[in-house]
Amino acid sequence: MPPQPPQRLPKGRQIVGQERIALTKDFVARYGEGESIRAIARSTGRSYGFARRVLIAGGASLRTRGGPHRTSNTAS
């Protein structure tokens, strides 16, 4: 069984091998449960871009940006 990734990752250190696999699985699971990319990045001490790349590499289907959508008012 691969080691579990730590909550905070050391800055500037590459994450490779089994540690990267475990991290990817963790990120994909957390994202699948509804956690945002920014929240995942913040909790691990990594950048948004790093977290996003890990999710994409892990095969996660990224959600669109949230928030209410404006509808056009076509009523005259």
N, C-alpha and C. Protein backbone atom coordinates (compact mmCIF):
# COMPACT_ATOMS: atom_id res chain seq x y z
N MET A 1 0.85 -1.18 0.00
CA MET A 1 0.00 0.00 0.00
C MET A 1 0.90 1.24 0.00
N PRO A 2 0.63 2.24 -0.89
CA PRO A 2 1.45 3.44 -0.93
C PRO A 2 1.27 4.28 0.32
N PRO A 3 2.30 5.04 0.68
CA PRO A 3 2.18 5.88 1.87
C PRO A 3 1.15 6.98 1.67
N GLN A 4 0.49 7.37 2.77
CA GLN A 4 -0.49 8.44 2.72
C GLN A 4 0.24 9.78 2.63
N PRO A 5 -0.25 10.70 1.79
CA PRO A 5 0.43 11.99 1.67
C PRO A 5 0.21 12.83 2.93
N PRO A 6 1.22 13.62 3.28
CA PRO A 6 1.05 14.49 4.45
C PRO A 6 0.08 15.61 4.14
N GLN A 7 -0.49 16.22 5.16
CA GLN A 7 -1.41 17.34 4.95
C GLN A 7 -0.68 18.51 4.30
N ARG A 8 0.43 18.96 4.89
CA ARG A 8 1.21 20.06 4.33
C ARG A 8 2.45 19.47 3.67
N LEU A 9 2.67 19.83 2.43
CA LEU A 9 3.81 19.32 1.68
C LEU A 9 4.95 20.34 1.76
N PRO A 10 6.18 19.85 1.87
CA PRO A 10 7.32 20.79 1.93
C PRO A 10 7.42 21.60 0.65
N LYS A 11 7.64 22.89 0.79
CA LYS A 11 7.76 23.76 -0.38
C LYS A 11 9.07 23.47 -1.11
N GLY A 12 8.99 23.50 -2.43
CA GLY A 12 10.19 23.36 -3.25
C GLY A 12 10.66 21.94 -3.47
N ARG A 13 10.01 20.96 -2.88
CA ARG A 13 10.43 19.58 -3.05
C ARG A 13 9.53 18.91 -4.06
N GLN A 14 10.14 18.20 -5.02
CA GLN A 14 9.35 17.48 -6.00
C GLN A 14 8.65 16.30 -5.35
N ILE A 15 7.44 16.04 -5.79
CA ILE A 15 6.65 14.92 -5.31
C ILE A 15 6.62 13.91 -6.45
N VAL A 16 7.29 12.76 -6.26
CA VAL A 16 7.41 11.78 -7.33
C VAL A 16 7.14 10.37 -6.80
N GLY A 17 7.03 9.43 -7.73
CA GLY A 17 6.90 8.02 -7.37
C GLY A 17 5.61 7.70 -6.63
N GLN A 18 5.74 6.84 -5.64
CA GLN A 18 4.59 6.39 -4.86
C GLN A 18 3.93 7.55 -4.11
N GLU A 19 4.73 8.50 -3.69
CA GLU A 19 4.17 9.65 -2.99
C GLU A 19 3.26 10.46 -3.92
N ARG A 20 3.67 10.61 -5.17
CA ARG A 20 2.85 11.35 -6.17
C ARG A 20 1.56 10.59 -6.46
N ILE A 21 1.64 9.26 -6.55
CA ILE A 21 0.46 8.44 -6.80
C ILE A 21 -0.53 8.58 -5.65
N ALA A 22 -0.03 8.51 -4.42
CA ALA A 22 -0.90 8.65 -3.24
C ALA A 22 -1.51 10.05 -3.19
N LEU A 23 -0.71 11.06 -3.51
CA LEU A 23 -1.19 12.44 -3.51
C LEU A 23 -2.29 12.62 -4.56
N THR A 24 -2.08 12.06 -5.74
CA THR A 24 -3.07 12.16 -6.81
C THR A 24 -4.38 11.52 -6.40
N LYS A 25 -4.32 10.34 -5.83
CA LYS A 25 -5.54 9.66 -5.38
C LYS A 25 -6.26 10.49 -4.32
N ASP A 26 -5.50 11.07 -3.40
CA ASP A 26 -6.08 11.90 -2.35
C ASP A 26 -6.76 13.13 -2.94
N PHE A 27 -6.08 13.83 -3.84
CA PHE A 27 -6.63 15.03 -4.46
C PHE A 27 -7.89 14.71 -5.24
N VAL A 28 -7.87 13.63 -6.03
CA VAL A 28 -9.03 13.26 -6.85
C VAL A 28 -10.22 12.90 -5.95
N ALA A 29 -9.96 12.18 -4.86
CA ALA A 29 -11.04 11.80 -3.94
C ALA A 29 -11.63 13.05 -3.28
N ARG A 30 -10.79 13.95 -2.81
CA ARG A 30 -11.26 15.17 -2.16
C ARG A 30 -12.05 16.05 -3.13
N TYR A 31 -11.54 16.16 -4.36
CA TYR A 31 -12.23 16.97 -5.37
C TYR A 31 -13.57 16.34 -5.73
N GLY A 32 -13.60 15.02 -5.81
CA GLY A 32 -14.83 14.31 -6.10
C GLY A 32 -15.88 14.47 -5.02
N GLU A 33 -15.44 14.71 -3.79
CA GLU A 33 -16.36 14.93 -2.67
C GLU A 33 -16.84 16.38 -2.60
N GLY A 34 -16.35 17.22 -3.52
CA GLY A 34 -16.84 18.59 -3.59
C GLY A 34 -15.88 19.66 -3.13
N GLU A 35 -14.71 19.29 -2.66
CA GLU A 35 -13.74 20.30 -2.22
C GLU A 35 -13.19 21.04 -3.45
N SER A 36 -12.94 22.32 -3.31
CA SER A 36 -12.44 23.11 -4.44
C SER A 36 -10.95 22.90 -4.64
N ILE A 37 -10.49 23.24 -5.83
CA ILE A 37 -9.06 23.15 -6.12
C ILE A 37 -8.30 24.09 -5.19
N ARG A 38 -8.83 25.28 -5.00
CA ARG A 38 -8.15 26.25 -4.12
C ARG A 38 -8.05 25.74 -2.68
N ALA A 39 -9.09 25.09 -2.20
CA ALA A 39 -9.06 24.56 -0.83
C ALA A 39 -8.05 23.43 -0.70
N ILE A 40 -7.98 22.58 -1.71
CA ILE A 40 -6.99 21.49 -1.71
C ILE A 40 -5.59 22.06 -1.71
N ALA A 41 -5.35 23.04 -2.59
CA ALA A 41 -4.03 23.66 -2.67
C ALA A 41 -3.65 24.32 -1.35
N ARG A 42 -4.58 25.06 -0.77
CA ARG A 42 -4.33 25.76 0.50
C ARG A 42 -3.98 24.78 1.61
N SER A 43 -4.73 23.68 1.70
CA SER A 43 -4.52 22.73 2.80
C SER A 43 -3.20 21.97 2.69
N THR A 44 -2.65 21.89 1.48
CA THR A 44 -1.39 21.16 1.29
C THR A 44 -0.19 22.08 1.15
N GLY A 45 -0.43 23.39 1.11
CA GLY A 45 0.68 24.33 1.00
C GLY A 45 1.26 24.41 -0.39
N ARG A 46 0.49 23.99 -1.39
CA ARG A 46 0.95 24.03 -2.78
C ARG A 46 0.11 25.05 -3.54
N SER A 47 0.53 25.31 -4.79
CA SER A 47 -0.16 26.31 -5.59
C SER A 47 -1.42 25.72 -6.23
N TYR A 48 -2.29 26.63 -6.66
CA TYR A 48 -3.50 26.24 -7.39
C TYR A 48 -3.11 25.46 -8.64
N GLY A 49 -2.12 25.95 -9.36
CA GLY A 49 -1.68 25.30 -10.60
C GLY A 49 -1.19 23.88 -10.37
N PHE A 50 -0.44 23.67 -9.29
CA PHE A 50 0.04 22.32 -8.96
C PHE A 50 -1.14 21.40 -8.69
N ALA A 51 -2.07 21.86 -7.87
CA ALA A 51 -3.23 21.02 -7.53
C ALA A 51 -4.05 20.71 -8.78
N ARG A 52 -4.22 21.68 -9.65
CA ARG A 52 -4.98 21.48 -10.88
C ARG A 52 -4.29 20.48 -11.80
N ARG A 53 -2.98 20.60 -11.95
CA ARG A 53 -2.23 19.65 -12.80
C ARG A 53 -2.31 18.23 -12.25
N VAL A 54 -2.23 18.09 -10.94
CA VAL A 54 -2.33 16.76 -10.33
C VAL A 54 -3.71 16.17 -10.59
N LEU A 55 -4.75 16.98 -10.47
CA LEU A 55 -6.11 16.51 -10.72
C LEU A 55 -6.29 16.08 -12.18
N ILE A 56 -5.78 16.87 -13.10
CA ILE A 56 -5.89 16.53 -14.52
C ILE A 56 -5.13 15.24 -14.81
N ALA A 57 -3.92 15.12 -14.26
CA ALA A 57 -3.12 13.91 -14.47
C ALA A 57 -3.82 12.69 -13.87
N GLY A 58 -4.59 12.90 -12.80
CA GLY A 58 -5.31 11.82 -12.15
C GLY A 58 -6.62 11.47 -12.83
N GLY A 59 -6.96 12.19 -13.89
CA GLY A 59 -8.17 11.87 -14.64
C GLY A 59 -9.44 12.49 -14.09
N ALA A 60 -9.32 13.47 -13.19
CA ALA A 60 -10.51 14.12 -12.64
C ALA A 60 -11.19 14.96 -13.71
N SER A 61 -12.50 14.92 -13.71
CA SER A 61 -13.30 15.76 -14.61
C SER A 61 -13.54 17.07 -13.87
N LEU A 62 -12.89 18.14 -14.33
CA LEU A 62 -12.96 19.41 -13.63
C LEU A 62 -14.33 20.06 -13.81
N ARG A 63 -14.81 20.63 -12.71
CA ARG A 63 -16.10 21.33 -12.73
C ARG A 63 -15.92 22.70 -13.36
N THR A 64 -17.03 23.25 -13.85
CA THR A 64 -17.00 24.62 -14.35
C THR A 64 -16.99 25.56 -13.17
N ARG A 65 -16.73 26.81 -13.42
CA ARG A 65 -16.72 27.80 -12.34
C ARG A 65 -18.12 27.94 -11.77
N GLY A 66 -18.20 28.14 -10.48
CA GLY A 66 -19.50 28.19 -9.80
C GLY A 66 -20.13 29.55 -9.79
N GLY A 67 -21.20 29.65 -9.07
CA GLY A 67 -21.90 30.92 -8.92
C GLY A 67 -23.15 30.97 -9.77
N PRO A 68 -24.01 31.91 -9.45
CA PRO A 68 -25.26 32.02 -10.20
C PRO A 68 -24.98 32.51 -11.62
N HIS A 69 -25.76 32.02 -12.55
CA HIS A 69 -25.62 32.43 -13.94
C HIS A 69 -26.67 33.48 -14.24
N ARG A 70 -26.28 34.46 -14.99
CA ARG A 70 -27.23 35.52 -15.38
C ARG A 70 -28.08 34.98 -16.52
N THR A 71 -29.33 35.29 -16.46
CA THR A 71 -30.22 34.90 -17.55
C THR A 71 -30.65 36.17 -18.27
N SER A 72 -30.84 36.05 -19.54
CA SER A 72 -31.27 37.24 -20.28
C SER A 72 -32.77 37.42 -20.10
N ASN A 73 -33.16 38.62 -19.99
CA ASN A 73 -34.56 38.95 -19.81
C ASN A 73 -35.12 39.30 -21.20
N THR A 74 -35.79 38.34 -21.83
CA THR A 74 -36.30 38.56 -23.17
C THR A 74 -37.76 38.99 -23.18
N ALA A 75 -38.37 39.09 -22.01
CA ALA A 75 -39.78 39.50 -21.93
C ALA A 75 -39.90 40.97 -22.29
N SER A 76 -40.86 41.31 -23.11
CA SER A 76 -41.03 42.71 -23.52
C SER A 76 -42.21 43.34 -22.83
